[in-house]
Amino acid sequence: MRLFLFFITFISVPLTLWANSPLQYPLDTPMALSASFGELRPNHFHAGIDLKTEQRCGLPVFAVADGYVSRIKIAQFGYGNCLYLTHPSLGITTVYAHLDAFNDTLTAWLEEYQYAEKTFQLDVQFPDTLFPVKQGQLVAISGNTGSSGGPHVHFEVRNEEGTLATEPLAYFPLPDSVKPKFRKIGIRPLDDASMVHGNCGFFSQKVWSEASGKYTTTPVEAWGKVGLEFMAFDYMNGQNNYYGLKRLEVYVDSVPYFTYQMDQFLFDHDKAINAFIDYEQWVLSREVYMCAYMPQFQPLSLFWSNKKGVVEINQERDYKVTALAFDYAGNKTEVSFVIRGKKAEAPLLCQDGGTPFYHNTLNYFQEGDVHLLVPRSAIYNDFLFKYTAVYDSTLQTVVHSLHNNTVPLHKCGAFQIPIAQDTLTNKDQYYLAYKNTYGKWGYVDAAYQEGAMIGNISKFGDYAVLTDTIPPTVTMLSKGRYKLVLRIADRQTDISSYNGYIDNQWVLFSIDAKNRITYHYDPKRIKRGKHTLRVEVVDRCGNNTEYITDVILGK
């Protein structure tokens, strides 16, 4: 939160304006990207560009245009320290995330607010008159806060209302002569009667380069209705990173079948990326394939398709497939291959069973005291829902399998499961747990009600009711005269809240993504000398820990 002393609150520097661009680049270092706009991420598109900061924190960040500070959000995860500037004359809002600190004026205001509200994490919106900014004015310092994987500035351009993300490279085009590259192709049978290489499941294989910008692979045998999938990435001059595509075009026998174009997207529909990527393959292998066929429900308007992109292999002949990948600079790469029609009948094991769930209706499932309600437009394709309940001797409770985690949910479903043995006096110590792809059980918001847990779920998969009676831990990492660093942790349900006090006076402790809390000595609020530090930590089941120690602060 604290700005380095050698920075002045407001300064202007002669940063370069791109030709014909109303925006000034927000850093005073050469422009280089570690991530591009629209990259395919778990459950979301990348809403901006990641600007490299020479692998370090502490670079000045400047306003790209005249406007005002419209919002500041400080969070442990996500964007960390995040600044929003609105530019009414341009009709846009720009976003600067993972910051280390804000300028002196904003820092002073925020500190007063945090002490008044007794909170570090906040989300505050401002009127246009409180913090006006000029183009080139210092507004923040670059950092590595929130869920950042390394020092950089995440930069976005949104519409003025903040509901629509748009391509920042429209304002800061970069010279780029490097073509995208295809890595793999995939083909998925789309019904129980379809086959690929004699199998009713997903099939993929690598491609290889024939010439500059041209790839191919061996023929693929198939029969019935299939969907084409592609793994491809972009690259840039002088960079080791790989990036997302700007456009994908797919042709079958020279007939256009599918087009994807990433220029902008609505945040309300962001999660529908799970209907564009092969979600099953991402869950199982962490590989990202773009699906060149349409689901039954898709709220995003990024696609054009012929016959919904479905390729029907109904003749014993060769079907020629060509896909073109484009980057923002217009560089193009092509992959061509053959699907060889070979008549085959799907075995009975390909025919699934279960309860029909439909994308365009409300779906309700009940078995005993287990209830699941999935709203309309919460799934992308109709499917047969399966449920099992198995006692887990390790957990000493029943694990409820709500289908499996390879089918994505666009909206949350309401879920109720009974508690196998309702014996705890303190009912807050029960919690709903979800098993992730790494086999770890995590906390899900839910409430106790008459021997059951009721909550909303954002994923299909394995759920269980577990108990947490163990309080959090507090560990002193560094006890300096000017800075105190502690780690707070809870091995089951994570931290719900924490507060730090010096001589019973609340003091501001920041928190990072590794659950480290830090207090910087403030002589305006605390006198130098010996004091008593008290830290209170509560987990999500209400278990609490109080940590007390003596500290010496100041000279």
Protein backbone atom coordinates (compact mmCIF):
# COMPACT_ATOMS: atom_id res chain seq x y z
CA MET A 1 0.00 0.00 0.00
CA ARG A 2 2.88 2.45 0.59
CA LEU A 3 4.37 4.45 -2.22
CA PHE A 4 8.15 4.63 -2.41
CA LEU A 5 9.30 8.00 -1.09
CA PHE A 6 11.23 8.99 -4.19
CA PHE A 7 8.03 9.18 -6.24
CA ILE A 8 6.11 12.43 -6.34
CA THR A 9 2.34 12.23 -6.02
CA PHE A 10 1.56 13.59 -9.50
CA ILE A 11 4.08 13.81 -12.31
CA SER A 12 3.91 13.88 -16.06
CA VAL A 13 6.47 12.30 -18.36
CA PRO A 14 6.85 12.54 -22.11
CA LEU A 15 5.70 8.99 -22.85
CA THR A 16 5.12 8.06 -26.46
CA LEU A 17 1.66 8.37 -27.98
CA TRP A 18 1.02 5.73 -30.65
CA ALA A 19 0.20 7.29 -34.00
CA ASN A 20 -3.50 8.20 -34.20
CA SER A 21 -4.11 6.81 -30.71
CA PRO A 22 -5.78 8.92 -28.01
CA LEU A 23 -4.10 6.80 -25.32
CA GLN A 24 -0.60 7.04 -23.92
CA TYR A 25 1.20 3.83 -22.99
CA PRO A 26 0.90 3.38 -19.18
CA LEU A 27 4.56 2.47 -18.55
CA ASP A 28 7.83 4.20 -19.40
CA THR A 29 9.52 0.95 -20.48
CA PRO A 30 9.47 -0.63 -23.96
CA MET A 31 6.17 -2.37 -24.63
CA ALA A 32 6.27 -6.17 -24.30
CA LEU A 33 3.46 -8.60 -23.50
CA SER A 34 3.37 -11.69 -21.34
CA ALA A 35 -0.31 -12.32 -22.22
CA SER A 36 -2.69 -11.08 -24.91
CA PHE A 37 -6.35 -10.10 -24.96
CA GLY A 38 -8.90 -12.91 -25.12
CA GLU A 39 -6.57 -15.73 -24.16
CA LEU A 40 -8.42 -18.85 -23.07
CA ARG A 41 -8.26 -19.21 -19.30
CA PRO A 42 -10.08 -21.47 -16.79
CA ASN A 43 -13.69 -20.20 -16.71
CA HIS A 44 -12.89 -16.86 -18.39
CA PHE A 45 -11.30 -15.03 -21.26
CA HIS A 46 -8.26 -12.90 -20.45
CA ALA A 47 -9.85 -9.46 -20.32
CA GLY A 48 -6.74 -7.39 -21.07
CA ILE A 49 -3.06 -7.52 -21.91
CA ASP A 50 -0.28 -8.27 -19.43
CA LEU A 51 2.49 -5.69 -19.73
CA LYS A 52 5.99 -6.87 -18.82
CA THR A 53 7.77 -4.83 -16.13
CA GLU A 54 11.30 -6.15 -16.60
CA GLN A 55 10.63 -8.93 -14.04
CA ARG A 56 10.45 -6.46 -11.17
CA CYS A 57 8.00 -4.43 -9.14
CA GLY A 58 8.15 -0.70 -8.51
CA LEU A 59 7.74 0.81 -11.99
CA PRO A 60 5.63 3.98 -12.25
CA VAL A 61 2.19 3.51 -13.82
CA PHE A 62 0.64 6.47 -15.64
CA ALA A 63 -2.88 7.46 -16.65
CA VAL A 64 -3.35 6.75 -20.35
CA ALA A 65 -5.77 9.66 -20.84
CA ASP A 66 -7.59 12.45 -19.00
CA GLY A 67 -10.37 11.25 -16.73
CA TYR A 68 -10.97 10.37 -13.10
CA VAL A 69 -10.46 7.56 -10.59
CA SER A 70 -13.82 5.75 -10.65
CA ARG A 71 -13.05 2.67 -8.56
CA ILE A 72 -10.38 1.03 -6.44
CA LYS A 73 -10.49 -2.60 -5.41
CA ILE A 74 -8.03 -4.22 -3.00
CA ALA A 75 -8.29 -7.99 -2.70
CA GLN A 76 -6.19 -10.89 -1.48
CA PHE A 77 -6.68 -12.80 -4.73
CA GLY A 78 -7.74 -11.95 -8.27
CA TYR A 79 -6.54 -8.53 -9.41
CA GLY A 80 -4.98 -7.69 -6.04
CA ASN A 81 -4.53 -3.91 -5.86
CA CYS A 82 -6.58 -2.65 -8.80
CA LEU A 83 -7.28 0.84 -10.15
CA TYR A 84 -10.08 1.90 -12.50
CA LEU A 85 -9.89 5.17 -14.46
CA THR A 86 -12.90 6.39 -16.43
CA HIS A 87 -12.34 8.62 -19.48
CA PRO A 88 -15.72 10.20 -20.37
CA SER A 89 -14.46 12.01 -23.47
CA LEU A 90 -13.44 8.64 -24.95
CA GLY A 91 -16.33 6.60 -23.56
CA ILE A 92 -13.98 4.05 -21.98
CA THR A 93 -12.69 2.86 -18.60
CA THR A 94 -9.12 1.60 -18.23
CA VAL A 95 -8.07 -0.93 -15.59
CA TYR A 96 -4.63 -1.42 -13.99
CA ALA A 97 -4.22 -4.57 -11.86
CA HIS A 98 -1.69 -6.39 -9.63
CA LEU A 99 -0.33 -3.04 -8.47
CA ASP A 100 2.07 -2.69 -5.57
CA ALA A 101 0.71 0.71 -4.48
CA PHE A 102 -1.27 3.77 -5.51
CA ASN A 103 -0.02 7.35 -5.63
CA ASP A 104 0.32 9.32 -2.39
CA THR A 105 -3.07 11.05 -2.62
CA LEU A 106 -4.98 7.80 -3.17
CA THR A 107 -2.91 5.96 -0.57
CA ALA A 108 -3.67 8.56 2.10
CA TRP A 109 -7.41 8.47 1.35
CA LEU A 110 -7.52 4.68 1.29
CA GLU A 111 -5.64 4.33 4.57
CA GLU A 112 -8.13 6.61 6.31
CA TYR A 113 -10.97 4.57 4.84
CA GLN A 114 -9.40 1.25 5.86
CA TYR A 115 -8.88 2.42 9.44
CA ALA A 116 -12.41 3.81 9.62
CA GLU A 117 -13.92 0.57 8.28
CA LYS A 118 -11.33 -1.67 9.98
CA THR A 119 -10.64 -3.59 6.81
CA PHE A 120 -7.78 -4.09 4.38
CA GLN A 121 -9.78 -5.53 1.50
CA LEU A 122 -12.22 -3.11 -0.10
CA ASP A 123 -14.12 -2.17 -3.25
CA VAL A 124 -14.92 1.55 -3.46
CA GLN A 125 -16.46 3.60 -6.28
CA PHE A 126 -15.79 7.34 -6.59
CA PRO A 127 -17.63 10.30 -8.15
CA ASP A 128 -16.01 12.05 -11.09
CA THR A 129 -15.10 15.09 -8.99
CA LEU A 130 -13.03 13.49 -6.20
CA PHE A 131 -9.87 12.28 -7.98
CA PRO A 132 -9.49 13.77 -11.49
CA VAL A 133 -6.42 12.66 -13.47
CA LYS A 134 -4.51 13.98 -16.45
CA GLN A 135 -2.88 11.98 -19.20
CA GLY A 136 0.65 11.00 -18.16
CA GLN A 137 -0.03 11.52 -14.44
CA LEU A 138 1.46 9.02 -12.01
CA VAL A 139 -1.38 6.98 -10.55
CA ALA A 140 0.25 3.81 -9.19
CA ILE A 141 3.31 1.60 -8.86
CA SER A 142 3.57 -1.78 -10.59
CA GLY A 143 3.61 -4.91 -8.48
CA ASN A 144 2.75 -8.60 -8.14
CA THR A 145 -0.36 -8.61 -5.92
CA GLY A 146 -3.43 -10.84 -6.01
CA SER A 147 -3.32 -14.00 -8.11
CA SER A 148 -0.38 -12.80 -10.16
CA GLY A 149 2.24 -15.30 -11.29
CA GLY A 150 5.02 -12.72 -11.50
CA PRO A 151 5.60 -8.95 -11.67
CA HIS A 152 3.55 -7.28 -14.42
CA VAL A 153 0.72 -4.82 -15.01
CA HIS A 154 -2.58 -6.25 -16.22
CA PHE A 155 -4.14 -3.54 -18.40
CA GLU A 156 -7.72 -3.46 -19.73
CA VAL A 157 -9.86 -1.23 -21.89
CA ARG A 158 -13.58 -1.49 -21.14
CA ASN A 159 -16.62 0.49 -22.20
CA GLU A 160 -17.42 3.36 -19.83
CA GLU A 161 -19.92 1.24 -17.88
CA GLY A 162 -17.30 -1.48 -17.38
CA THR A 163 -19.49 -4.25 -18.81
CA LEU A 164 -17.63 -4.87 -22.08
CA ALA A 165 -13.95 -5.76 -22.51
CA THR A 166 -12.26 -4.63 -25.74
CA GLU A 167 -8.91 -5.20 -27.47
CA PRO A 168 -6.20 -2.87 -26.00
CA LEU A 169 -3.93 -3.47 -29.00
CA ALA A 170 -6.35 -1.33 -31.01
CA TYR A 171 -4.69 1.56 -29.14
CA PHE A 172 -1.16 0.13 -28.87
CA PRO A 173 -0.46 -1.99 -31.97
CA LEU A 174 2.81 -3.89 -31.79
CA PRO A 175 5.03 -4.81 -34.76
CA ASP A 176 4.70 -8.58 -35.18
CA SER A 177 5.84 -10.79 -38.03
CA VAL A 178 5.66 -14.16 -36.24
CA LYS A 179 2.91 -16.49 -37.41
CA PRO A 180 0.69 -18.52 -35.06
CA LYS A 181 1.40 -22.22 -34.68
CA PHE A 182 -0.92 -25.22 -34.62
CA ARG A 183 0.02 -27.95 -32.14
CA LYS A 184 -2.78 -30.52 -32.27
CA ILE A 185 -6.12 -31.28 -33.88
CA GLY A 186 -8.97 -33.03 -32.11
CA ILE A 187 -12.17 -34.71 -33.26
CA ARG A 188 -15.08 -35.52 -30.98
CA PRO A 189 -18.03 -37.82 -31.87
CA LEU A 190 -21.20 -35.81 -31.18
CA ASP A 191 -23.73 -38.58 -30.62
CA ASP A 192 -23.92 -42.25 -29.63
CA ALA A 193 -23.92 -43.41 -33.25
CA SER A 194 -20.70 -41.62 -34.25
CA MET A 195 -17.15 -42.95 -34.17
CA VAL A 196 -13.56 -41.71 -34.59
CA HIS A 197 -10.92 -44.37 -35.25
CA GLY A 198 -13.35 -47.02 -34.02
CA ASN A 199 -13.94 -45.23 -30.71
CA CYS A 200 -16.85 -43.19 -29.38
CA GLY A 201 -14.62 -40.83 -27.36
CA PHE A 202 -12.42 -37.82 -28.06
CA PHE A 203 -9.48 -38.34 -30.40
CA SER A 204 -6.48 -36.05 -30.92
CA GLN A 205 -3.11 -36.10 -32.62
CA LYS A 206 -0.16 -33.79 -33.16
CA VAL A 207 0.45 -31.84 -36.34
CA TRP A 208 3.75 -31.05 -38.00
CA SER A 209 5.03 -28.24 -40.17
CA GLU A 210 5.30 -28.88 -43.92
CA ALA A 211 6.45 -25.38 -44.78
CA SER A 212 6.43 -21.92 -43.30
CA GLY A 213 2.90 -21.31 -42.06
CA LYS A 214 1.54 -24.68 -43.20
CA TYR A 215 0.84 -27.74 -41.02
CA THR A 216 -0.61 -31.17 -41.65
CA THR A 217 -1.21 -34.52 -39.95
CA THR A 218 -2.12 -38.09 -40.85
CA PRO A 219 -5.68 -38.92 -42.03
CA VAL A 220 -8.31 -39.59 -39.37
CA GLU A 221 -11.00 -42.26 -39.82
CA ALA A 222 -14.50 -41.29 -38.72
CA TRP A 223 -18.20 -41.93 -39.22
CA GLY A 224 -21.29 -39.99 -38.22
CA LYS A 225 -21.54 -36.51 -36.72
CA VAL A 226 -18.26 -35.13 -35.46
CA GLY A 227 -16.92 -31.84 -34.11
CA LEU A 228 -13.51 -30.45 -35.04
CA GLU A 229 -11.16 -29.02 -32.41
CA PHE A 230 -7.85 -27.18 -32.62
CA MET A 231 -4.97 -26.35 -30.31
CA ALA A 232 -3.10 -23.31 -31.61
CA PHE A 233 -1.22 -20.32 -30.18
CA ASP A 234 0.23 -17.04 -31.32
CA TYR A 235 3.80 -15.80 -30.85
CA MET A 236 5.46 -12.37 -31.04
CA ASN A 237 8.79 -10.95 -32.11
CA GLY A 238 11.52 -11.29 -29.50
CA GLN A 239 9.28 -12.93 -26.87
CA ASN A 240 9.32 -16.43 -25.37
CA ASN A 241 5.64 -16.33 -24.39
CA TYR A 242 2.76 -17.76 -26.38
CA TYR A 243 -0.56 -15.96 -26.80
CA GLY A 244 -4.18 -16.40 -27.79
CA LEU A 245 -5.47 -16.22 -31.37
CA LYS A 246 -7.38 -13.31 -32.85
CA ARG A 247 -9.35 -15.39 -35.34
CA LEU A 248 -9.96 -19.02 -36.33
CA GLU A 249 -11.57 -20.10 -39.62
CA VAL A 250 -12.51 -23.69 -40.48
CA TYR A 251 -13.42 -25.12 -43.91
CA VAL A 252 -14.58 -28.59 -44.93
CA ASP A 253 -14.18 -29.40 -48.63
CA SER A 254 -13.58 -25.65 -49.13
CA VAL A 255 -16.98 -24.80 -47.60
CA PRO A 256 -16.88 -22.38 -44.61
CA TYR A 257 -18.01 -24.19 -41.46
CA PHE A 258 -16.95 -22.10 -38.49
CA THR A 259 -15.40 -18.74 -37.57
CA TYR A 260 -14.25 -17.38 -34.21
CA GLN A 261 -13.24 -13.73 -33.83
CA MET A 262 -12.01 -12.16 -30.56
CA ASP A 263 -12.47 -8.37 -30.54
CA GLN A 264 -14.59 -7.84 -27.43
CA PHE A 265 -16.84 -9.72 -25.02
CA LEU A 266 -19.39 -9.05 -22.28
CA PHE A 267 -18.32 -9.95 -18.76
CA ASP A 268 -21.81 -11.30 -18.04
CA HIS A 269 -21.20 -14.05 -20.61
CA ASP A 270 -17.53 -14.62 -19.81
CA LYS A 271 -18.01 -18.05 -18.27
CA ALA A 272 -19.40 -19.35 -21.58
CA ILE A 273 -15.78 -19.85 -22.62
CA ASN A 274 -16.42 -23.33 -21.18
CA ALA A 275 -18.69 -23.99 -24.17
CA PHE A 276 -15.98 -22.91 -26.63
CA ILE A 277 -13.09 -24.93 -25.23
CA ASP A 278 -13.30 -28.70 -24.84
CA TYR A 279 -14.01 -28.52 -21.12
CA GLU A 280 -13.59 -32.26 -20.61
CA GLN A 281 -10.08 -32.20 -22.06
CA TRP A 282 -9.14 -29.19 -19.96
CA VAL A 283 -10.27 -30.95 -16.76
CA LEU A 284 -8.61 -34.26 -17.63
CA SER A 285 -5.35 -33.09 -19.20
CA ARG A 286 -5.17 -29.26 -18.80
CA GLU A 287 -4.95 -29.02 -22.59
CA VAL A 288 -6.97 -26.26 -24.26
CA TYR A 289 -8.72 -27.12 -27.52
CA MET A 290 -10.95 -24.64 -29.35
CA CYS A 291 -14.19 -26.31 -30.43
CA ALA A 292 -15.14 -25.40 -34.02
CA TYR A 293 -18.76 -26.40 -33.46
CA MET A 294 -21.60 -24.81 -31.50
CA PRO A 295 -23.23 -26.07 -28.32
CA GLN A 296 -27.00 -25.99 -27.90
CA PHE A 297 -26.69 -22.93 -25.64
CA GLN A 298 -24.02 -20.29 -26.26
CA PRO A 299 -24.64 -16.66 -25.13
CA LEU A 300 -21.37 -15.35 -26.59
CA SER A 301 -21.55 -13.59 -29.97
CA LEU A 302 -18.01 -14.44 -31.08
CA PHE A 303 -18.90 -17.15 -33.57
CA TRP A 304 -20.35 -17.86 -36.99
CA SER A 305 -21.17 -21.40 -38.02
CA ASN A 306 -22.58 -23.41 -40.90
CA LYS A 307 -24.75 -26.32 -39.68
CA LYS A 308 -23.59 -25.33 -36.18
CA GLY A 309 -20.11 -26.47 -37.24
CA VAL A 310 -21.16 -30.14 -37.14
CA VAL A 311 -19.42 -32.22 -39.80
CA GLU A 312 -21.45 -35.22 -40.97
CA ILE A 313 -19.27 -38.02 -42.28
CA ASN A 314 -21.79 -40.16 -44.15
CA GLN A 315 -19.83 -41.23 -47.26
CA GLU A 316 -16.82 -43.47 -47.55
CA ARG A 317 -14.57 -40.81 -49.05
CA ASP A 318 -11.98 -38.25 -48.01
CA TYR A 319 -13.24 -35.00 -46.44
CA LYS A 320 -10.62 -32.25 -46.65
CA VAL A 321 -10.38 -30.02 -43.57
CA THR A 322 -8.54 -26.69 -43.56
CA ALA A 323 -8.22 -24.36 -40.58
CA LEU A 324 -6.68 -20.88 -40.59
CA ALA A 325 -5.31 -19.18 -37.47
CA PHE A 326 -4.76 -15.40 -37.43
CA ASP A 327 -3.09 -13.09 -34.93
CA TYR A 328 -3.82 -9.39 -34.30
CA ALA A 329 -1.19 -8.29 -36.84
CA GLY A 330 -2.81 -10.40 -39.57
CA ASN A 331 -0.17 -13.14 -39.68
CA LYS A 332 -1.78 -16.39 -40.87
CA THR A 333 -1.10 -20.10 -40.39
CA GLU A 334 -2.87 -23.05 -42.02
CA VAL A 335 -3.41 -26.67 -41.05
CA SER A 336 -4.86 -29.15 -43.55
CA PHE A 337 -5.74 -32.80 -43.08
CA VAL A 338 -8.15 -35.46 -44.25
CA ILE A 339 -11.04 -37.14 -42.46
CA ARG A 340 -11.48 -40.53 -44.14
CA GLY A 341 -15.06 -41.71 -44.06
CA LYS A 342 -15.22 -45.32 -42.88
CA LYS A 343 -18.58 -46.83 -42.01
CA ALA A 344 -18.75 -48.19 -38.48
CA GLU A 345 -21.34 -48.96 -35.84
CA ALA A 346 -20.89 -47.71 -32.31
CA PRO A 347 -20.82 -50.49 -29.68
CA LEU A 348 -23.42 -50.59 -26.93
CA LEU A 349 -20.91 -49.29 -24.38
CA CYS A 350 -21.11 -45.94 -26.17
CA GLN A 351 -24.78 -45.65 -25.29
CA ASP A 352 -25.08 -43.87 -21.98
CA GLY A 353 -27.80 -43.88 -19.31
CA GLY A 354 -29.09 -41.48 -16.70
CA THR A 355 -31.65 -38.74 -16.04
CA PRO A 356 -32.14 -36.32 -18.99
CA PHE A 357 -31.03 -32.74 -18.24
CA TYR A 358 -32.01 -30.12 -20.83
CA HIS A 359 -30.29 -26.81 -21.58
CA ASN A 360 -33.55 -24.89 -22.15
CA THR A 361 -35.58 -25.97 -19.10
CA LEU A 362 -35.28 -26.08 -15.33
CA ASN A 363 -33.88 -29.47 -14.26
CA TYR A 364 -34.72 -31.07 -10.92
CA PHE A 365 -33.24 -34.25 -9.47
CA GLN A 366 -34.12 -35.98 -6.20
CA GLU A 367 -33.01 -39.21 -4.62
CA GLY A 368 -34.01 -39.68 -1.00
CA ASP A 369 -33.01 -36.54 0.90
CA VAL A 370 -30.67 -35.39 -1.85
CA HIS A 371 -32.03 -32.53 -3.99
CA LEU A 372 -30.46 -30.75 -6.98
CA LEU A 373 -32.04 -27.94 -8.98
CA VAL A 374 -30.27 -26.69 -12.12
CA PRO A 375 -31.85 -23.59 -13.70
CA ARG A 376 -32.62 -22.98 -17.35
CA SER A 377 -29.58 -22.03 -19.48
CA ALA A 378 -27.20 -23.42 -16.87
CA ILE A 379 -25.84 -26.19 -19.09
CA TYR A 380 -24.59 -25.81 -22.65
CA ASN A 381 -25.77 -29.16 -24.03
CA ASP A 382 -28.42 -31.69 -23.07
CA PHE A 383 -26.97 -34.73 -21.32
CA LEU A 384 -27.88 -37.72 -19.17
CA PHE A 385 -27.24 -36.86 -15.53
CA LYS A 386 -25.82 -39.57 -13.25
CA TYR A 387 -25.79 -39.67 -9.45
CA THR A 388 -24.08 -42.05 -7.05
CA ALA A 389 -23.54 -42.04 -3.29
CA VAL A 390 -20.66 -44.03 -1.77
CA TYR A 391 -19.46 -44.18 1.84
CA ASP A 392 -15.83 -43.09 2.13
CA SER A 393 -14.15 -44.76 5.11
CA THR A 394 -11.26 -42.26 5.05
CA LEU A 395 -13.60 -39.29 5.36
CA GLN A 396 -16.10 -41.29 7.44
CA THR A 397 -18.98 -39.85 5.47
CA VAL A 398 -20.92 -40.30 2.24
CA VAL A 399 -19.50 -38.84 -0.98
CA HIS A 400 -22.23 -37.66 -3.36
CA SER A 401 -21.19 -37.73 -7.02
CA LEU A 402 -23.27 -35.23 -8.98
CA HIS A 403 -22.48 -36.52 -12.45
CA ASN A 404 -18.79 -35.63 -12.98
CA ASN A 405 -16.61 -32.54 -13.13
CA THR A 406 -16.05 -32.72 -16.90
CA VAL A 407 -19.45 -31.15 -17.64
CA PRO A 408 -19.42 -27.37 -17.03
CA LEU A 409 -22.13 -25.26 -15.42
CA HIS A 410 -22.89 -21.77 -16.72
CA LYS A 411 -25.05 -20.87 -13.70
CA CYS A 412 -25.07 -22.16 -10.15
CA GLY A 413 -27.38 -24.96 -9.13
CA ALA A 414 -29.10 -25.30 -5.75
CA PHE A 415 -28.10 -28.40 -3.80
CA GLN A 416 -29.17 -30.09 -0.56
CA ILE A 417 -27.53 -33.16 0.95
CA PRO A 418 -28.21 -34.76 4.34
CA ILE A 419 -25.61 -35.03 7.09
CA ALA A 420 -24.92 -38.72 7.65
CA GLN A 421 -24.39 -38.34 11.42
CA ASP A 422 -25.64 -35.04 12.80
CA THR A 423 -23.83 -35.18 16.16
CA LEU A 424 -22.09 -31.81 16.52
CA THR A 425 -23.52 -29.36 19.01
CA ASN A 426 -22.07 -26.43 17.07
CA LYS A 427 -23.74 -26.78 13.68
CA ASP A 428 -21.47 -24.09 12.18
CA GLN A 429 -18.67 -26.65 12.25
CA TYR A 430 -20.28 -28.62 9.41
CA TYR A 431 -19.34 -27.53 5.91
CA LEU A 432 -20.03 -28.57 2.35
CA ALA A 433 -16.85 -29.73 0.59
CA TYR A 434 -16.00 -30.18 -3.08
CA LYS A 435 -13.27 -32.47 -4.40
CA ASN A 436 -11.10 -30.72 -6.98
CA THR A 437 -9.20 -32.32 -9.86
CA TYR A 438 -6.15 -32.77 -7.61
CA GLY A 439 -8.13 -34.79 -5.06
CA LYS A 440 -8.23 -32.02 -2.44
CA TRP A 441 -11.45 -31.16 -0.63
CA GLY A 442 -12.30 -27.45 -0.60
CA TYR A 443 -14.89 -25.31 1.16
CA VAL A 444 -18.22 -24.45 -0.52
CA ASP A 445 -20.56 -21.80 0.89
CA ALA A 446 -23.57 -23.57 2.40
CA ALA A 447 -25.82 -23.39 5.45
CA TYR A 448 -26.99 -25.96 7.98
CA GLN A 449 -30.73 -26.61 7.98
CA GLU A 450 -32.50 -29.40 9.87
CA GLY A 451 -29.85 -32.08 9.47
CA ALA A 452 -28.75 -31.10 5.97
CA MET A 453 -26.45 -28.69 4.17
CA ILE A 454 -28.03 -26.35 1.63
CA GLY A 455 -26.03 -24.25 -0.81
CA ASN A 456 -25.31 -23.27 -4.40
CA ILE A 457 -22.81 -25.23 -6.47
CA SER A 458 -20.89 -23.93 -9.48
CA LYS A 459 -19.57 -27.31 -10.63
CA PHE A 460 -20.68 -30.89 -11.03
CA GLY A 461 -18.54 -33.48 -9.26
CA ASP A 462 -17.99 -35.02 -5.82
CA TYR A 463 -19.47 -33.37 -2.72
CA ALA A 464 -19.51 -34.35 0.95
CA VAL A 465 -20.42 -32.86 4.31
CA LEU A 466 -17.28 -32.57 6.44
CA THR A 467 -16.52 -31.08 9.85
CA ASP A 468 -13.96 -28.52 10.93
CA THR A 469 -13.34 -28.20 14.66
CA ILE A 470 -9.69 -27.16 14.45
CA PRO A 471 -8.83 -23.47 14.85
CA PRO A 472 -6.52 -21.61 12.42
CA THR A 473 -2.79 -21.23 13.03
CA VAL A 474 -0.77 -18.03 13.36
CA THR A 475 3.01 -18.01 12.82
CA MET A 476 5.38 -15.07 13.24
CA LEU A 477 7.65 -14.84 10.18
CA SER A 478 9.42 -11.56 10.81
CA LYS A 479 9.38 -9.37 13.92
CA GLY A 480 11.13 -6.15 12.91
CA ARG A 481 10.94 -2.70 14.39
CA TYR A 482 9.31 -1.31 11.24
CA LYS A 483 7.55 -4.31 9.78
CA LEU A 484 5.74 -7.34 11.22
CA VAL A 485 5.00 -10.33 9.00
CA LEU A 486 2.89 -13.32 10.07
CA ARG A 487 1.31 -16.25 8.27
CA ILE A 488 -2.27 -17.20 9.05
CA ALA A 489 -3.57 -20.55 7.83
CA ASP A 490 -6.39 -23.05 8.14
CA ARG A 491 -5.93 -26.52 6.74
CA GLN A 492 -9.59 -27.23 6.01
CA THR A 493 -11.92 -24.30 5.37
CA ASP A 494 -9.55 -21.34 4.88
CA ILE A 495 -9.61 -17.97 6.62
CA SER A 496 -12.85 -16.02 6.98
CA SER A 497 -11.51 -12.94 8.76
CA TYR A 498 -8.49 -11.59 10.62
CA ASN A 499 -7.75 -8.51 12.71
CA GLY A 500 -4.58 -7.15 14.25
CA TYR A 501 -4.33 -4.97 17.37
CA ILE A 502 -1.45 -3.15 19.02
CA ASP A 503 -2.23 -2.37 22.66
CA ASN A 504 -5.89 -3.11 21.81
CA GLN A 505 -5.86 -0.52 19.00
CA TRP A 506 -6.83 -1.88 15.56
CA VAL A 507 -4.00 -1.59 13.04
CA LEU A 508 -3.86 -2.19 9.30
CA PHE A 509 -2.47 -5.57 8.24
CA SER A 510 -2.34 -6.26 4.49
CA ILE A 511 -2.75 -9.83 3.24
CA ASP A 512 -1.30 -11.54 0.16
CA ALA A 513 -2.21 -14.65 -1.80
CA LYS A 514 0.06 -16.78 0.42
CA ASN A 515 -1.87 -15.78 3.56
CA ARG A 516 0.97 -13.58 4.79
CA ILE A 517 -0.26 -10.56 6.74
CA THR A 518 2.01 -7.53 7.04
CA TYR A 519 1.96 -4.46 9.29
CA HIS A 520 4.15 -1.44 8.47
CA TYR A 521 4.96 0.68 11.50
CA ASP A 522 3.14 4.03 11.43
CA PRO A 523 4.57 6.54 13.95
CA LYS A 524 1.52 8.79 13.45
CA ARG A 525 -0.70 6.14 15.04
CA ILE A 526 1.61 4.11 17.31
CA LYS A 527 4.33 5.48 19.56
CA ARG A 528 7.74 3.88 19.40
CA GLY A 529 8.68 1.39 22.08
CA LYS A 530 7.42 -1.89 23.50
CA HIS A 531 3.86 -2.95 22.71
CA THR A 532 1.54 -5.93 22.84
CA LEU A 533 0.49 -7.36 19.48
CA ARG A 534 -2.72 -9.37 19.29
CA VAL A 535 -3.92 -11.08 16.13
CA GLU A 536 -7.38 -12.66 15.92
CA VAL A 537 -8.14 -15.14 13.12
CA VAL A 538 -11.42 -16.90 12.33
CA ASP A 539 -11.94 -19.70 9.80
CA ARG A 540 -15.07 -20.27 7.74
CA CYS A 541 -16.56 -22.62 10.31
CA GLY A 542 -16.19 -20.06 13.08
CA ASN A 543 -13.16 -21.61 14.80
CA ASN A 544 -10.94 -18.82 16.10
CA THR A 545 -7.37 -18.31 17.27
CA GLU A 546 -5.88 -15.46 19.30
CA TYR A 547 -2.13 -14.89 19.00
CA ILE A 548 -0.42 -12.54 21.46
CA THR A 549 3.22 -11.46 21.62
CA ASP A 550 5.35 -8.50 22.63
CA VAL A 551 6.88 -6.32 19.90
CA ILE A 552 9.23 -3.34 19.85
CA LEU A 553 8.39 -0.77 17.19
CA GLY A 554 10.32 2.26 15.95
CA LYS A 555 13.83 3.29 16.91
